[in-house]
N, C-alpha and C. Protein backbone atom coordinates (compact mmCIF):
# COMPACT_ATOMS: atom_id res chain seq x y z
N MET A 1 32.12 -4.09 -38.41
CA MET A 1 31.63 -2.53 -37.90
C MET A 1 32.84 -1.72 -37.64
N THR A 2 32.73 -0.52 -38.11
CA THR A 2 33.88 0.38 -37.87
C THR A 2 33.70 1.07 -36.60
N GLU A 3 34.85 1.71 -36.20
CA GLU A 3 34.97 2.30 -34.88
C GLU A 3 33.96 3.32 -34.71
N LEU A 4 33.59 4.19 -35.83
CA LEU A 4 32.74 5.14 -35.78
C LEU A 4 31.25 4.69 -35.57
N GLU A 5 30.88 3.39 -36.27
CA GLU A 5 29.66 2.71 -36.10
C GLU A 5 29.54 2.17 -34.68
N SER A 6 30.42 1.66 -34.24
CA SER A 6 30.46 1.17 -32.81
C SER A 6 30.24 2.30 -31.85
N GLN A 7 30.92 3.38 -31.91
CA GLN A 7 30.68 4.51 -31.11
C GLN A 7 29.18 4.99 -31.15
N LEU A 8 28.76 5.30 -32.35
CA LEU A 8 27.46 5.59 -32.57
C LEU A 8 26.33 4.77 -31.94
N LEU A 9 26.63 3.38 -32.21
CA LEU A 9 25.63 2.41 -31.58
C LEU A 9 25.64 2.58 -30.05
N LYS A 10 26.86 2.60 -29.52
CA LYS A 10 27.04 2.74 -28.11
C LYS A 10 26.33 3.99 -27.58
N SER A 11 26.49 5.11 -28.33
CA SER A 11 25.77 6.51 -27.96
C SER A 11 24.27 6.25 -28.03
N VAL A 12 23.73 5.62 -28.97
CA VAL A 12 22.35 5.58 -29.30
C VAL A 12 21.79 4.62 -28.05
N THR A 13 22.47 3.60 -27.83
CA THR A 13 22.01 2.60 -26.82
C THR A 13 22.01 3.24 -25.43
N GLU A 14 23.11 4.08 -25.20
CA GLU A 14 23.09 4.72 -23.89
C GLU A 14 21.97 5.78 -23.81
N TYR A 15 21.61 6.48 -24.88
CA TYR A 15 20.67 7.54 -24.88
C TYR A 15 19.24 6.88 -24.61
N GLN A 16 19.16 5.65 -25.28
CA GLN A 16 17.80 5.08 -25.13
C GLN A 16 17.68 4.53 -23.65
N ARG A 17 18.85 4.05 -23.05
CA ARG A 17 18.68 3.69 -21.71
C ARG A 17 18.37 4.90 -20.69
N GLN A 18 19.05 5.90 -20.98
CA GLN A 18 18.72 7.12 -20.17
C GLN A 18 17.15 7.69 -20.40
N GLN A 19 16.75 7.43 -21.61
CA GLN A 19 15.46 7.86 -21.79
C GLN A 19 14.38 7.11 -21.12
N GLU A 20 14.65 5.77 -21.10
CA GLU A 20 13.79 4.79 -20.40
C GLU A 20 13.81 5.03 -18.76
N GLN A 21 15.07 5.39 -18.41
CA GLN A 21 15.11 5.57 -17.00
C GLN A 21 14.33 6.99 -16.55
N GLN A 22 14.50 7.91 -17.46
CA GLN A 22 13.67 9.19 -17.16
C GLN A 22 12.23 8.85 -17.41
N GLN A 23 11.82 8.19 -18.20
CA GLN A 23 10.43 7.84 -18.37
C GLN A 23 9.88 7.01 -17.11
N ALA A 24 10.78 6.11 -16.67
CA ALA A 24 10.36 5.39 -15.48
C ALA A 24 10.16 6.38 -14.26
N GLY A 25 11.10 7.26 -14.08
CA GLY A 25 11.07 8.31 -13.08
C GLY A 25 9.92 9.27 -13.09
N LEU A 26 9.64 9.62 -14.39
CA LEU A 26 8.47 10.57 -14.66
C LEU A 26 7.00 9.74 -14.22
N SER A 27 7.07 8.52 -14.61
CA SER A 27 5.85 7.60 -14.38
C SER A 27 5.69 7.54 -12.79
N SER A 28 6.71 7.30 -12.11
CA SER A 28 6.79 7.03 -10.82
C SER A 28 6.34 8.37 -9.96
N SER A 29 6.92 9.37 -10.46
CA SER A 29 6.49 10.78 -9.90
C SER A 29 5.08 11.11 -10.23
N TYR A 30 4.58 10.74 -11.44
CA TYR A 30 3.17 10.95 -11.67
C TYR A 30 2.15 10.19 -10.74
N LYS A 31 2.50 8.91 -10.56
CA LYS A 31 1.74 8.07 -9.63
C LYS A 31 1.61 8.61 -8.26
N ALA A 32 2.86 9.00 -7.71
CA ALA A 32 2.85 9.73 -6.47
C ALA A 32 2.03 10.86 -6.27
N LEU A 33 2.07 11.84 -7.38
CA LEU A 33 1.23 12.99 -7.50
C LEU A 33 -0.25 12.73 -7.40
N GLN A 34 -0.54 11.65 -8.17
CA GLN A 34 -1.91 11.18 -8.11
C GLN A 34 -2.32 10.73 -6.65
N GLN A 35 -1.68 10.10 -6.10
CA GLN A 35 -1.90 9.48 -4.74
C GLN A 35 -2.02 10.69 -3.84
N MET A 36 -1.03 11.71 -3.90
CA MET A 36 -1.31 12.93 -3.08
C MET A 36 -2.53 13.59 -3.20
N PHE A 37 -2.78 13.77 -4.62
CA PHE A 37 -4.07 14.56 -4.93
C PHE A 37 -5.29 13.91 -4.31
N THR A 38 -5.25 12.46 -4.53
CA THR A 38 -6.53 11.69 -4.06
C THR A 38 -6.47 11.76 -2.51
N THR A 39 -5.49 11.82 -1.74
CA THR A 39 -5.28 11.81 -0.34
C THR A 39 -5.81 13.28 0.10
N THR A 40 -5.14 14.28 -0.52
CA THR A 40 -5.55 15.68 -0.28
C THR A 40 -6.88 16.01 -0.56
N SER A 41 -7.55 15.45 -1.66
CA SER A 41 -8.86 15.69 -1.88
C SER A 41 -9.73 15.10 -0.74
N ALA A 42 -9.51 13.95 -0.30
CA ALA A 42 -10.28 13.20 0.74
C ALA A 42 -10.21 14.17 2.01
N GLU A 43 -8.97 14.56 2.38
CA GLU A 43 -8.81 15.24 3.60
C GLU A 43 -9.57 16.56 3.34
N ASN A 44 -9.58 17.36 2.23
CA ASN A 44 -10.24 18.56 2.21
C ASN A 44 -11.84 18.30 2.31
N GLN A 45 -12.27 17.37 1.77
CA GLN A 45 -13.71 16.99 1.94
C GLN A 45 -14.06 16.62 3.38
N GLU A 46 -13.30 16.11 4.04
CA GLU A 46 -13.34 15.90 5.56
C GLU A 46 -13.37 17.43 6.30
N LEU A 47 -12.49 18.17 5.96
CA LEU A 47 -12.45 19.53 6.52
C LEU A 47 -13.65 20.21 6.27
N ARG A 48 -14.01 20.18 4.95
CA ARG A 48 -15.23 21.10 4.51
C ARG A 48 -16.51 20.59 5.38
N THR A 49 -16.67 19.34 5.66
CA THR A 49 -17.71 18.68 6.54
C THR A 49 -17.48 19.19 7.94
N GLN A 50 -16.33 19.14 8.39
CA GLN A 50 -16.04 19.61 9.72
C GLN A 50 -16.41 21.14 9.95
N VAL A 51 -15.96 22.05 8.92
CA VAL A 51 -16.32 23.45 8.94
C VAL A 51 -17.83 23.72 8.95
N GLN A 52 -18.59 22.90 7.96
CA GLN A 52 -19.87 23.15 8.00
C GLN A 52 -20.59 22.73 9.25
N SER A 53 -20.17 21.75 9.96
CA SER A 53 -20.61 21.39 11.33
C SER A 53 -20.41 22.46 12.27
N LEU A 54 -19.15 23.03 12.15
CA LEU A 54 -18.82 24.02 13.15
C LEU A 54 -19.74 25.27 12.96
N ALA A 55 -19.90 25.65 11.61
CA ALA A 55 -20.72 26.83 11.37
C ALA A 55 -22.13 26.75 11.77
N GLU A 56 -22.70 25.32 11.69
CA GLU A 56 -23.99 25.10 12.14
C GLU A 56 -23.95 25.16 13.64
N GLN A 57 -22.94 24.87 14.48
CA GLN A 57 -23.01 25.05 15.82
C GLN A 57 -22.87 26.44 16.13
N VAL A 58 -22.17 27.30 15.52
CA VAL A 58 -21.90 28.65 15.81
C VAL A 58 -23.33 29.46 15.48
N SER A 59 -24.01 28.98 14.56
CA SER A 59 -25.32 29.58 14.15
C SER A 59 -26.30 29.37 15.32
N GLY A 60 -26.17 28.13 15.81
CA GLY A 60 -27.03 27.81 16.77
C GLY A 60 -26.78 28.46 18.22
N LEU A 61 -25.49 28.57 18.42
CA LEU A 61 -25.13 29.42 19.63
C LEU A 61 -25.49 30.85 19.44
N GLU A 62 -25.30 31.38 18.31
CA GLU A 62 -25.90 32.85 18.18
C GLU A 62 -27.29 32.88 18.32
N SER A 63 -28.08 32.02 17.92
CA SER A 63 -29.61 32.02 18.13
C SER A 63 -29.82 31.87 19.65
N GLN A 64 -29.13 31.00 20.34
CA GLN A 64 -29.33 30.97 21.78
C GLN A 64 -29.03 32.31 22.45
N LEU A 65 -27.88 32.87 22.09
CA LEU A 65 -27.31 34.06 22.61
C LEU A 65 -28.40 35.18 22.37
N SER A 66 -28.93 35.17 21.23
CA SER A 66 -29.85 36.26 20.94
C SER A 66 -31.06 36.08 21.70
N ARG A 67 -31.42 35.01 22.02
CA ARG A 67 -32.75 34.60 22.84
C ARG A 67 -32.39 35.10 24.30
N LEU A 68 -31.21 34.75 24.73
CA LEU A 68 -30.81 35.19 26.15
C LEU A 68 -30.74 36.57 26.35
N MET A 69 -30.16 37.16 25.27
CA MET A 69 -30.09 38.64 25.50
C MET A 69 -31.33 39.34 25.36
N LYS A 70 -32.35 38.87 24.81
CA LYS A 70 -33.78 39.38 24.64
C LYS A 70 -34.39 39.12 26.04
N LEU A 71 -34.18 38.04 26.61
CA LEU A 71 -34.68 37.69 27.93
C LEU A 71 -34.31 38.60 28.98
N LEU A 72 -32.72 38.94 28.88
CA LEU A 72 -32.18 39.74 29.86
C LEU A 72 -32.58 41.22 29.88
N THR A 73 -32.89 41.59 28.63
CA THR A 73 -33.44 42.98 28.42
C THR A 73 -34.72 43.32 28.62
N LYS A 74 -35.59 42.38 28.99
CA LYS A 74 -36.88 42.59 29.21
C LYS A 74 -37.14 43.18 30.62
């Protein structure tokens, strides 16, 4: 094998190693993003449920206040 062939093989091997490392890093990052998305989605659903509950409580309090105001103005 000539010196040029040896250098070329070394370069190709190094390039392949770097590509494999980059692919592994991207795969790891993608999995982390998927986990964050799943967690965030679950948290958002919980917050939506809490907001709906609070909205219902506010509506009930508005109704009570309206009834009290009517009683007081009679």
